[in-house]
Amino acid sequence: MGFHESPNTYVGNVTIKVTDLERSLSFYKEVIGFDVLEQSRHRAVLTADGKVPLLTIIQPEGVQAKQGRTTGLYHFAILLPSRKELGKSLHHLLASNIQLGSGDHEVSEALYLSDPDGNGIEIYRDRPSSDWIWNGDQVRMGTEPVDARAVLAESDEEPWTGLPADTVMGHIHLHVNDLKAAEAFYHDGLGFDVVTRYGGQAIFMSTGRYHHHIGLNTWNGTGAPRPAENQVGLDAYTLVYPSQSALDKAAVNLRAIGASADQSENGFHTKDPSGNKIKLITL
């Protein structure tokens, strides 16, 4: 079963706020490898395949730089189709003098970086799901150093030409201010299952036994404040449900737990208990 096939609910387009649209556009095109799908003065929609929007960057009126430790975006995660593509990206990022972190999480190999405003980005590839180790309903994930030499060698010295067409938004990882409240919202309201607990400060949740579509942590502090409305960071992200009935069920479940599920033009919008805005749609 492919990544974006029923019965999974998955992360679609992520919208982030930036202070300088032109500077961000250069970064996301030249460093990350997106193509522009549509663009206006204060907004650009980015894609890997020329059709599906994966990232939208907006420059709001009176936008403020990132402030302190708040709830909101930890990182959004761009999933490449192969280790070879990760190797090509790594070559390109090193050649571009980008400051990088990395982690081998057993289920995946990941590179970490930030955009010019400090918005967190992960670029990763999955190991085959047949190699993931499950203990009942919990998948084993850790963090070890990535074997960068082996990843680089996978590229076969093929030139980097941007993101391949079958790149998707793999997951999103958020700062929240109350892990228990967040878990109840994402499980009881949105229908995600916890697949890994990381100490007492982070959980990873998914549908369809993926290693995670949603990461949630309290690393910015339990009770962390919400960011200002026009501050750099996450504006909203989209969850794509596999059917209209699944989407309608999520709206019913959200209202049953006292959360909002307001009708929008092609679905619903809601907010998690830490103020992260989510659009719920089906294709």
C-alpha atoms as a PDB file:
ATOM      1  CA  MET A   1       0.000   0.000   0.000  1.00  0.00           C
ATOM      2  CA  GLY A   2       1.415   3.381  -0.970  1.00  0.00           C
ATOM      3  CA  PHE A   3       2.042   6.206   1.472  1.00  0.00           C
ATOM      4  CA  HIS A   4      -0.965   8.265   0.410  1.00  0.00           C
ATOM      5  CA  GLU A   5      -3.569   5.559  -0.016  1.00  0.00           C
ATOM      6  CA  SER A   6      -6.609   4.625   1.996  1.00  0.00           C
ATOM      7  CA  PRO A   7      -7.052   4.171   4.904  1.00  0.00           C
ATOM      8  CA  ASN A   8      -4.388   6.681   5.922  1.00  0.00           C
ATOM      9  CA  THR A   9      -5.076  10.222   7.007  1.00  0.00           C
ATOM     10  CA  TYR A  10      -1.922  12.162   6.175  1.00  0.00           C
ATOM     11  CA  VAL A  11      -0.377  15.632   6.254  1.00  0.00           C
ATOM     12  CA  GLY A  12      -0.889  17.647   3.090  1.00  0.00           C
ATOM     13  CA  ASN A  13       0.026  21.293   2.572  1.00  0.00           C
ATOM     14  CA  VAL A  14       1.827  23.168   5.381  1.00  0.00           C
ATOM     15  CA  THR A  15       1.553  26.983   5.513  1.00  0.00           C
ATOM     16  CA  ILE A  16       4.290  28.955   7.262  1.00  0.00           C
ATOM     17  CA  LYS A  17       4.804  32.658   7.967  1.00  0.00           C
ATOM     18  CA  VAL A  18       8.045  34.375   6.956  1.00  0.00           C
ATOM     19  CA  THR A  19       9.423  37.922   7.223  1.00  0.00           C
ATOM     20  CA  ASP A  20      10.684  38.291   3.649  1.00  0.00           C
ATOM     21  CA  LEU A  21       8.889  36.367   0.913  1.00  0.00           C
ATOM     22  CA  GLU A  22      11.570  36.894  -1.754  1.00  0.00           C
ATOM     23  CA  ARG A  23      14.383  35.709   0.511  1.00  0.00           C
ATOM     24  CA  SER A  24      12.342  32.649   1.542  1.00  0.00           C
ATOM     25  CA  LEU A  25      11.426  31.865  -2.053  1.00  0.00           C
ATOM     26  CA  SER A  26      15.101  31.847  -3.049  1.00  0.00           C
ATOM     27  CA  PHE A  27      15.881  29.505  -0.166  1.00  0.00           C
ATOM     28  CA  TYR A  28      13.029  27.083  -0.827  1.00  0.00           C
ATOM     29  CA  LYS A  29      13.748  26.927  -4.552  1.00  0.00           C
ATOM     30  CA  GLU A  30      17.556  26.957  -4.601  1.00  0.00           C
ATOM     31  CA  VAL A  31      18.397  25.154  -1.348  1.00  0.00           C
ATOM     32  CA  ILE A  32      15.420  22.827  -0.767  1.00  0.00           C
ATOM     33  CA  GLY A  33      14.434  22.331  -4.420  1.00  0.00           C
ATOM     34  CA  PHE A  34      10.743  23.251  -4.622  1.00  0.00           C
ATOM     35  CA  ASP A  35       9.049  24.634  -7.739  1.00  0.00           C
ATOM     36  CA  VAL A  36       6.577  27.523  -7.585  1.00  0.00           C
ATOM     37  CA  LEU A  37       2.971  26.553  -8.301  1.00  0.00           C
ATOM     38  CA  GLU A  38       1.476  30.013  -7.837  1.00  0.00           C
ATOM     39  CA  GLN A  39       2.706  33.312  -6.477  1.00  0.00           C
ATOM     40  CA  SER A  40       1.349  36.704  -5.453  1.00  0.00           C
ATOM     41  CA  ARG A  41       2.900  39.620  -3.608  1.00  0.00           C
ATOM     42  CA  HIS A  42       2.629  38.133  -0.114  1.00  0.00           C
ATOM     43  CA  ARG A  43       2.134  34.434  -0.814  1.00  0.00           C
ATOM     44  CA  ALA A  44       3.756  31.580  -2.747  1.00  0.00           C
ATOM     45  CA  VAL A  45       2.556  27.997  -3.130  1.00  0.00           C
ATOM     46  CA  LEU A  46       5.329  25.438  -3.638  1.00  0.00           C
ATOM     47  CA  THR A  47       5.245  21.977  -5.166  1.00  0.00           C
ATOM     48  CA  ALA A  48       7.519  19.074  -6.105  1.00  0.00           C
ATOM     49  CA  ASP A  49       5.454  17.610  -8.958  1.00  0.00           C
ATOM     50  CA  GLY A  50       3.988  20.772 -10.499  1.00  0.00           C
ATOM     51  CA  LYS A  51       0.485  19.849  -9.285  1.00  0.00           C
ATOM     52  CA  VAL A  52       0.179  19.144  -5.566  1.00  0.00           C
ATOM     53  CA  PRO A  53       0.840  22.015  -3.114  1.00  0.00           C
ATOM     54  CA  LEU A  54       3.187  20.878  -0.339  1.00  0.00           C
ATOM     55  CA  LEU A  55       4.320  24.152   1.239  1.00  0.00           C
ATOM     56  CA  THR A  56       2.774  27.619   1.225  1.00  0.00           C
ATOM     57  CA  ILE A  57       4.824  30.569   2.445  1.00  0.00           C
ATOM     58  CA  ILE A  58       3.113  33.807   3.415  1.00  0.00           C
ATOM     59  CA  GLN A  59       4.380  37.205   4.541  1.00  0.00           C
ATOM     60  CA  PRO A  60       1.618  38.667   6.735  1.00  0.00           C
ATOM     61  CA  GLU A  61       1.162  42.397   7.294  1.00  0.00           C
ATOM     62  CA  GLY A  62       3.282  43.517  10.259  1.00  0.00           C
ATOM     63  CA  VAL A  63       4.956  40.091  10.552  1.00  0.00           C
ATOM     64  CA  GLN A  64       7.214  39.658  13.593  1.00  0.00           C
ATOM     65  CA  ALA A  65      10.426  37.621  13.877  1.00  0.00           C
ATOM     66  CA  LYS A  66      10.398  34.423  15.933  1.00  0.00           C
ATOM     67  CA  GLN A  67       9.993  35.084  19.672  1.00  0.00           C
ATOM     68  CA  GLY A  68      11.160  32.816  22.484  1.00  0.00           C
ATOM     69  CA  ARG A  69       9.839  29.406  23.419  1.00  0.00           C
ATOM     70  CA  THR A  70       6.237  29.025  22.293  1.00  0.00           C
ATOM     71  CA  THR A  71       3.880  26.393  20.978  1.00  0.00           C
ATOM     72  CA  GLY A  72       3.802  25.931  17.202  1.00  0.00           C
ATOM     73  CA  LEU A  73       6.112  24.481  14.588  1.00  0.00           C
ATOM     74  CA  TYR A  74       9.072  22.317  15.595  1.00  0.00           C
ATOM     75  CA  HIS A  75       9.558  21.157  12.003  1.00  0.00           C
ATOM     76  CA  PHE A  76       7.732  20.028   8.902  1.00  0.00           C
ATOM     77  CA  ALA A  77       9.220  16.972   7.244  1.00  0.00           C
ATOM     78  CA  ILE A  78       9.786  16.466   3.527  1.00  0.00           C
ATOM     79  CA  LEU A  79       9.833  12.763   2.620  1.00  0.00           C
ATOM     80  CA  LEU A  80      12.075  11.787  -0.292  1.00  0.00           C
ATOM     81  CA  PRO A  81      11.369   8.553  -2.210  1.00  0.00           C
ATOM     82  CA  SER A  82      14.801   6.932  -1.748  1.00  0.00           C
ATOM     83  CA  ARG A  83      18.144   6.962   0.015  1.00  0.00           C
ATOM     84  CA  LYS A  84      19.716   7.921  -3.293  1.00  0.00           C
ATOM     85  CA  GLU A  85      17.664  11.135  -3.355  1.00  0.00           C
ATOM     86  CA  LEU A  86      18.644  11.820   0.261  1.00  0.00           C
ATOM     87  CA  GLY A  87      22.282  11.451  -0.789  1.00  0.00           C
ATOM     88  CA  LYS A  88      21.798  13.930  -3.640  1.00  0.00           C
ATOM     89  CA  SER A  89      20.123  16.390  -1.243  1.00  0.00           C
ATOM     90  CA  LEU A  90      22.906  15.993   1.301  1.00  0.00           C
ATOM     91  CA  HIS A  91      25.566  16.697  -1.351  1.00  0.00           C
ATOM     92  CA  HIS A  92      23.672  19.826  -2.374  1.00  0.00           C
ATOM     93  CA  LEU A  93      23.114  21.078   1.190  1.00  0.00           C
ATOM     94  CA  LEU A  94      26.803  20.610   2.042  1.00  0.00           C
ATOM     95  CA  ALA A  95      27.834  22.412  -1.151  1.00  0.00           C
ATOM     96  CA  SER A  96      25.442  25.236  -0.191  1.00  0.00           C
ATOM     97  CA  ASN A  97      27.141  25.593   3.249  1.00  0.00           C
ATOM     98  CA  ILE A  98      23.884  24.935   5.100  1.00  0.00           C
ATOM     99  CA  GLN A  99      24.169  24.161   8.818  1.00  0.00           C
ATOM    100  CA  LEU A 100      22.794  20.643   9.300  1.00  0.00           C
ATOM    101  CA  GLY A 101      21.823  18.214  12.003  1.00  0.00           C
ATOM    102  CA  SER A 102      20.942  14.586  11.396  1.00  0.00           C
ATOM    103  CA  GLY A 103      19.423  11.521  13.002  1.00  0.00           C
ATOM    104  CA  ASP A 104      19.097   7.842  12.177  1.00  0.00           C
ATOM    105  CA  HIS A 105      15.743   6.952  13.752  1.00  0.00           C
ATOM    106  CA  GLU A 106      15.778   3.226  12.801  1.00  0.00           C
ATOM    107  CA  VAL A 107      12.626   3.699  10.700  1.00  0.00           C
ATOM    108  CA  SER A 108      14.184   6.579   8.756  1.00  0.00           C
ATOM    109  CA  GLU A 109      17.295   8.669   8.097  1.00  0.00           C
ATOM    110  CA  ALA A 110      16.819  12.403   8.533  1.00  0.00           C
ATOM    111  CA  LEU A 111      18.572  15.715   7.951  1.00  0.00           C
ATOM    112  CA  TYR A 112      17.587  18.796   9.965  1.00  0.00           C
ATOM    113  CA  LEU A 113      17.969  22.455   9.069  1.00  0.00           C
ATOM    114  CA  SER A 114      16.184  25.797   9.373  1.00  0.00           C
ATOM    115  CA  ASP A 115      14.944  28.310   6.848  1.00  0.00           C
ATOM    116  CA  PRO A 116      16.164  31.957   7.015  1.00  0.00           C
ATOM    117  CA  ASP A 117      13.495  32.779   9.634  1.00  0.00           C
ATOM    118  CA  GLY A 118      14.269  29.798  11.862  1.00  0.00           C
ATOM    119  CA  ASN A 119      11.350  27.610  10.726  1.00  0.00           C
ATOM    120  CA  GLY A 120      12.427  24.005  11.282  1.00  0.00           C
ATOM    121  CA  ILE A 121      12.727  21.599   8.346  1.00  0.00           C
ATOM    122  CA  GLU A 122      13.423  17.871   8.186  1.00  0.00           C
ATOM    123  CA  ILE A 123      14.363  16.123   4.941  1.00  0.00           C
ATOM    124  CA  TYR A 124      14.244  12.347   5.256  1.00  0.00           C
ATOM    125  CA  ARG A 125      13.861   8.961   3.662  1.00  0.00           C
ATOM    126  CA  ASP A 126      12.071   5.946   5.120  1.00  0.00           C
ATOM    127  CA  ARG A 127      13.569   2.527   5.520  1.00  0.00           C
ATOM    128  CA  PRO A 128      11.248  -0.174   4.121  1.00  0.00           C
ATOM    129  CA  SER A 129       8.328  -0.668   6.524  1.00  0.00           C
ATOM    130  CA  SER A 130       9.167  -4.403   6.594  1.00  0.00           C
ATOM    131  CA  ASP A 131      12.371  -3.413   8.483  1.00  0.00           C
ATOM    132  CA  TRP A 132      10.542  -1.432  11.196  1.00  0.00           C
ATOM    133  CA  ILE A 133      10.416  -3.184  14.553  1.00  0.00           C
ATOM    134  CA  TRP A 134       7.009  -3.200  16.267  1.00  0.00           C
ATOM    135  CA  ASN A 135       6.304  -4.210  19.838  1.00  0.00           C
ATOM    136  CA  GLY A 136       2.526  -4.628  19.716  1.00  0.00           C
ATOM    137  CA  ASP A 137       1.180  -1.245  18.664  1.00  0.00           C
ATOM    138  CA  GLN A 138       4.420   0.643  19.378  1.00  0.00           C
ATOM    139  CA  VAL A 139       7.126   1.109  16.740  1.00  0.00           C
ATOM    140  CA  ARG A 140      10.758   1.288  17.815  1.00  0.00           C
ATOM    141  CA  MET A 141      12.409   4.627  17.086  1.00  0.00           C
ATOM    142  CA  GLY A 142      15.693   5.963  18.392  1.00  0.00           C
ATOM    143  CA  THR A 143      18.253   8.579  17.446  1.00  0.00           C
ATOM    144  CA  GLU A 144      21.729   7.599  16.314  1.00  0.00           C
ATOM    145  CA  PRO A 145      24.133   9.465  14.015  1.00  0.00           C
ATOM    146  CA  VAL A 146      23.380   9.140  10.303  1.00  0.00           C
ATOM    147  CA  ASP A 147      26.108   7.359   8.319  1.00  0.00           C
ATOM    148  CA  ALA A 148      26.630  10.435   6.142  1.00  0.00           C
ATOM    149  CA  ARG A 149      29.348   8.836   4.012  1.00  0.00           C
ATOM    150  CA  ALA A 150      27.112   5.915   3.108  1.00  0.00           C
ATOM    151  CA  VAL A 151      24.200   8.262   2.328  1.00  0.00           C
ATOM    152  CA  LEU A 152      26.446  10.435   0.129  1.00  0.00           C
ATOM    153  CA  ALA A 153      27.762   7.338  -1.670  1.00  0.00           C
ATOM    154  CA  GLU A 154      24.165   6.342  -2.557  1.00  0.00           C
ATOM    155  CA  SER A 155      23.854   9.372  -4.833  1.00  0.00           C
ATOM    156  CA  ASP A 156      26.199   7.767  -7.415  1.00  0.00           C
ATOM    157  CA  GLU A 157      27.446  11.326  -7.992  1.00  0.00           C
ATOM    158  CA  GLU A 158      24.264  12.117  -9.898  1.00  0.00           C
ATOM    159  CA  PRO A 159      23.647  15.864  -9.942  1.00  0.00           C
ATOM    160  CA  TRP A 160      20.952  17.311  -7.670  1.00  0.00           C
ATOM    161  CA  THR A 161      18.086  18.788  -9.708  1.00  0.00           C
ATOM    162  CA  GLY A 162      15.639  19.724  -6.944  1.00  0.00           C
ATOM    163  CA  LEU A 163      12.965  17.669  -5.232  1.00  0.00           C
ATOM    164  CA  PRO A 164      11.845  14.581  -7.183  1.00  0.00           C
ATOM    165  CA  ALA A 165       8.217  14.582  -8.350  1.00  0.00           C
ATOM    166  CA  ASP A 166       7.201  11.848  -5.874  1.00  0.00           C
ATOM    167  CA  THR A 167       8.294  13.853  -2.827  1.00  0.00           C
ATOM    168  CA  VAL A 168       5.515  14.214  -0.226  1.00  0.00           C
ATOM    169  CA  MET A 169       4.989  15.991   3.090  1.00  0.00           C
ATOM    170  CA  GLY A 170       5.846  13.092   5.373  1.00  0.00           C
ATOM    171  CA  HIS A 171       4.905  14.464   8.772  1.00  0.00           C
ATOM    172  CA  ILE A 172       4.714  17.521  10.984  1.00  0.00           C
ATOM    173  CA  HIS A 173       6.199  17.902  14.471  1.00  0.00           C
ATOM    174  CA  LEU A 174       4.686  20.475  16.830  1.00  0.00           C
ATOM    175  CA  HIS A 175       5.452  22.138  20.134  1.00  0.00           C
ATOM    176  CA  VAL A 176       2.448  21.809  22.455  1.00  0.00           C
ATOM    177  CA  ASN A 177       1.915  23.024  26.009  1.00  0.00           C
ATOM    178  CA  ASP A 178       0.109  19.980  27.444  1.00  0.00           C
ATOM    179  CA  LEU A 179       0.912  16.513  26.133  1.00  0.00           C
ATOM    180  CA  LYS A 180      -2.121  14.790  27.665  1.00  0.00           C
ATOM    181  CA  ALA A 181      -4.561  17.319  26.184  1.00  0.00           C
ATOM    182  CA  ALA A 182      -2.811  17.095  22.802  1.00  0.00           C
ATOM    183  CA  GLU A 183      -2.973  13.286  22.805  1.00  0.00           C
ATOM    184  CA  ALA A 184      -6.703  13.323  23.586  1.00  0.00           C
ATOM    185  CA  PHE A 185      -7.373  15.845  20.798  1.00  0.00           C
ATOM    186  CA  TYR A 186      -5.386  14.012  18.117  1.00  0.00           C
ATOM    187  CA  HIS A 187      -6.596  10.546  19.143  1.00  0.00           C
ATOM    188  CA  ASP A 188     -10.224  11.073  20.182  1.00  0.00           C
ATOM    189  CA  GLY A 189     -10.879  13.969  17.832  1.00  0.00           C
ATOM    190  CA  LEU A 190      -8.780  13.409  14.727  1.00  0.00           C
ATOM    191  CA  GLY A 191      -8.366   9.622  14.835  1.00  0.00           C
ATOM    192  CA  PHE A 192      -4.583   9.215  15.180  1.00  0.00           C
ATOM    193  CA  ASP A 193      -2.999   6.431  17.248  1.00  0.00           C
ATOM    194  CA  VAL A 194       0.057   6.791  19.492  1.00  0.00           C
ATOM    195  CA  VAL A 195       2.841   4.622  18.031  1.00  0.00           C
ATOM    196  CA  THR A 196       5.795   5.826  20.144  1.00  0.00           C
ATOM    197  CA  ARG A 197       6.193   7.528  23.520  1.00  0.00           C
ATOM    198  CA  TYR A 198       9.517   9.309  23.938  1.00  0.00           C
ATOM    199  CA  GLY A 199      10.215   9.844  27.626  1.00  0.00           C
ATOM    200  CA  GLY A 200       7.391  11.840  29.191  1.00  0.00           C
ATOM    201  CA  GLN A 201       7.821  14.776  26.841  1.00  0.00           C
ATOM    202  CA  ALA A 202       7.005  13.606  23.301  1.00  0.00           C
ATOM    203  CA  ILE A 203       4.607  11.305  21.488  1.00  0.00           C
ATOM    204  CA  PHE A 204       4.429  10.226  17.880  1.00  0.00           C
ATOM    205  CA  MET A 205       1.061   9.445  16.280  1.00  0.00           C
ATOM    206  CA  SER A 206      -0.080   8.014  12.961  1.00  0.00           C
ATOM    207  CA  THR A 207      -2.753   6.232  10.961  1.00  0.00           C
ATOM    208  CA  GLY A 208      -2.275   3.004   9.033  1.00  0.00           C
ATOM    209  CA  ARG A 209       0.769   1.951  11.124  1.00  0.00           C
ATOM    210  CA  TYR A 210       3.061   4.602   9.686  1.00  0.00           C
ATOM    211  CA  HIS A 211       5.904   5.515  12.078  1.00  0.00           C
ATOM    212  CA  HIS A 212       4.401   8.985  12.515  1.00  0.00           C
ATOM    213  CA  HIS A 213       2.352  11.596  10.719  1.00  0.00           C
ATOM    214  CA  ILE A 214       2.255  13.832  13.802  1.00  0.00           C
ATOM    215  CA  GLY A 215       4.959  14.461  16.396  1.00  0.00           C
ATOM    216  CA  LEU A 216       4.028  16.357  19.582  1.00  0.00           C
ATOM    217  CA  ASN A 217       6.429  17.554  22.276  1.00  0.00           C
ATOM    218  CA  THR A 218       6.604  19.790  25.347  1.00  0.00           C
ATOM    219  CA  TRP A 219      10.313  20.612  24.889  1.00  0.00           C
ATOM    220  CA  ASN A 220       9.500  24.348  24.962  1.00  0.00           C
ATOM    221  CA  GLY A 221       7.916  23.811  28.369  1.00  0.00           C
ATOM    222  CA  THR A 222       4.598  22.581  29.752  1.00  0.00           C
ATOM    223  CA  GLY A 223       2.338  25.614  29.676  1.00  0.00           C
ATOM    224  CA  ALA A 224       4.422  27.312  26.952  1.00  0.00           C
ATOM    225  CA  PRO A 225       2.641  30.399  25.547  1.00  0.00           C
ATOM    226  CA  ARG A 226       1.136  30.533  22.077  1.00  0.00           C
ATOM    227  CA  PRO A 227       2.985  32.656  19.511  1.00  0.00           C
ATOM    228  CA  ALA A 228       1.564  36.038  18.486  1.00  0.00           C
ATOM    229  CA  GLU A 229      -0.866  35.818  15.558  1.00  0.00           C
ATOM    230  CA  ASN A 230       1.500  37.461  13.055  1.00  0.00           C
ATOM    231  CA  GLN A 231       4.732  35.868  14.322  1.00  0.00           C
ATOM    232  CA  VAL A 232       6.996  33.779  12.083  1.00  0.00           C
ATOM    233  CA  GLY A 233       6.164  30.065  12.282  1.00  0.00           C
ATOM    234  CA  LEU A 234       3.224  27.822  11.524  1.00  0.00           C
ATOM    235  CA  ASP A 235       0.112  29.436  10.081  1.00  0.00           C
ATOM    236  CA  ALA A 236      -1.826  26.178   9.577  1.00  0.00           C
ATOM    237  CA  TYR A 237      -1.419  22.688   8.198  1.00  0.00           C
ATOM    238  CA  THR A 238      -3.737  20.388   6.283  1.00  0.00           C
ATOM    239  CA  LEU A 239      -4.808  16.842   7.112  1.00  0.00           C
ATOM    240  CA  VAL A 240      -6.155  14.848   4.177  1.00  0.00           C
ATOM    241  CA  TYR A 241      -8.803  12.262   5.114  1.00  0.00           C
ATOM    242  CA  PRO A 242      -9.327   9.165   2.932  1.00  0.00           C
ATOM    243  CA  SER A 243     -13.075   9.723   2.399  1.00  0.00           C
ATOM    244  CA  GLN A 244     -15.901  12.168   3.025  1.00  0.00           C
ATOM    245  CA  SER A 245     -17.328   9.851   5.700  1.00  0.00           C
ATOM    246  CA  ALA A 246     -13.956   9.783   7.525  1.00  0.00           C
ATOM    247  CA  LEU A 247     -13.800  13.580   7.338  1.00  0.00           C
ATOM    248  CA  ASP A 248     -17.362  13.982   8.652  1.00  0.00           C
ATOM    249  CA  LYS A 249     -16.637  11.515  11.467  1.00  0.00           C
ATOM    250  CA  ALA A 250     -13.611  13.576  12.538  1.00  0.00           C
ATOM    251  CA  ALA A 251     -15.794  16.711  12.692  1.00  0.00           C
ATOM    252  CA  VAL A 252     -18.373  14.865  14.848  1.00  0.00           C
ATOM    253  CA  ASN A 253     -15.635  13.517  17.135  1.00  0.00           C
ATOM    254  CA  LEU A 254     -14.019  16.953  17.516  1.00  0.00           C
ATOM    255  CA  ARG A 255     -17.317  18.497  18.566  1.00  0.00           C
ATOM    256  CA  ALA A 256     -17.938  15.589  20.968  1.00  0.00           C
ATOM    257  CA  ILE A 257     -14.730  16.432  22.865  1.00  0.00           C
ATOM    258  CA  GLY A 258     -15.558  20.147  22.914  1.00  0.00           C
ATOM    259  CA  ALA A 259     -13.180  21.183  20.126  1.00  0.00           C
ATOM    260  CA  SER A 260     -14.133  23.355  17.168  1.00  0.00           C
ATOM    261  CA  ALA A 261     -14.912  21.952  13.721  1.00  0.00           C
ATOM    262  CA  ASP A 262     -15.997  24.908  11.632  1.00  0.00           C
ATOM    263  CA  GLN A 263     -17.181  24.338   8.078  1.00  0.00           C
ATOM    264  CA  SER A 264     -14.896  25.768   5.396  1.00  0.00           C
ATOM    265  CA  GLU A 265     -15.172  25.761   1.612  1.00  0.00           C
ATOM    266  CA  ASN A 266     -13.781  22.240   1.169  1.00  0.00           C
ATOM    267  CA  GLY A 267     -13.881  20.711   4.645  1.00  0.00           C
ATOM    268  CA  PHE A 268     -13.442  21.907   8.227  1.00  0.00           C
ATOM    269  CA  HIS A 269     -10.960  23.877  10.247  1.00  0.00           C
ATOM    270  CA  THR A 270     -10.044  23.406  13.872  1.00  0.00           C
ATOM    271  CA  LYS A 271      -7.346  24.229  16.440  1.00  0.00           C
ATOM    272  CA  ASP A 272      -5.527  21.855  18.737  1.00  0.00           C
ATOM    273  CA  PRO A 273      -5.468  22.708  22.495  1.00  0.00           C
ATOM    274  CA  SER A 274      -2.147  24.557  22.013  1.00  0.00           C
ATOM    275  CA  GLY A 275      -3.551  26.783  19.266  1.00  0.00           C
ATOM    276  CA  ASN A 276      -2.056  25.045  16.217  1.00  0.00           C
ATOM    277  CA  LYS A 277      -4.475  25.579  13.310  1.00  0.00           C
ATOM    278  CA  ILE A 278      -5.488  22.585  11.167  1.00  0.00           C
ATOM    279  CA  LYS A 279      -7.499  22.330   7.954  1.00  0.00           C
ATOM    280  CA  LEU A 280      -9.323  19.014   7.447  1.00  0.00           C
ATOM    281  CA  ILE A 281     -10.088  18.036   3.856  1.00  0.00           C
ATOM    282  CA  THR A 282     -10.574  15.037   1.600  1.00  0.00           C
ATOM    283  CA  LEU A 283      -9.413  14.797  -1.997  1.00  0.00           C
END
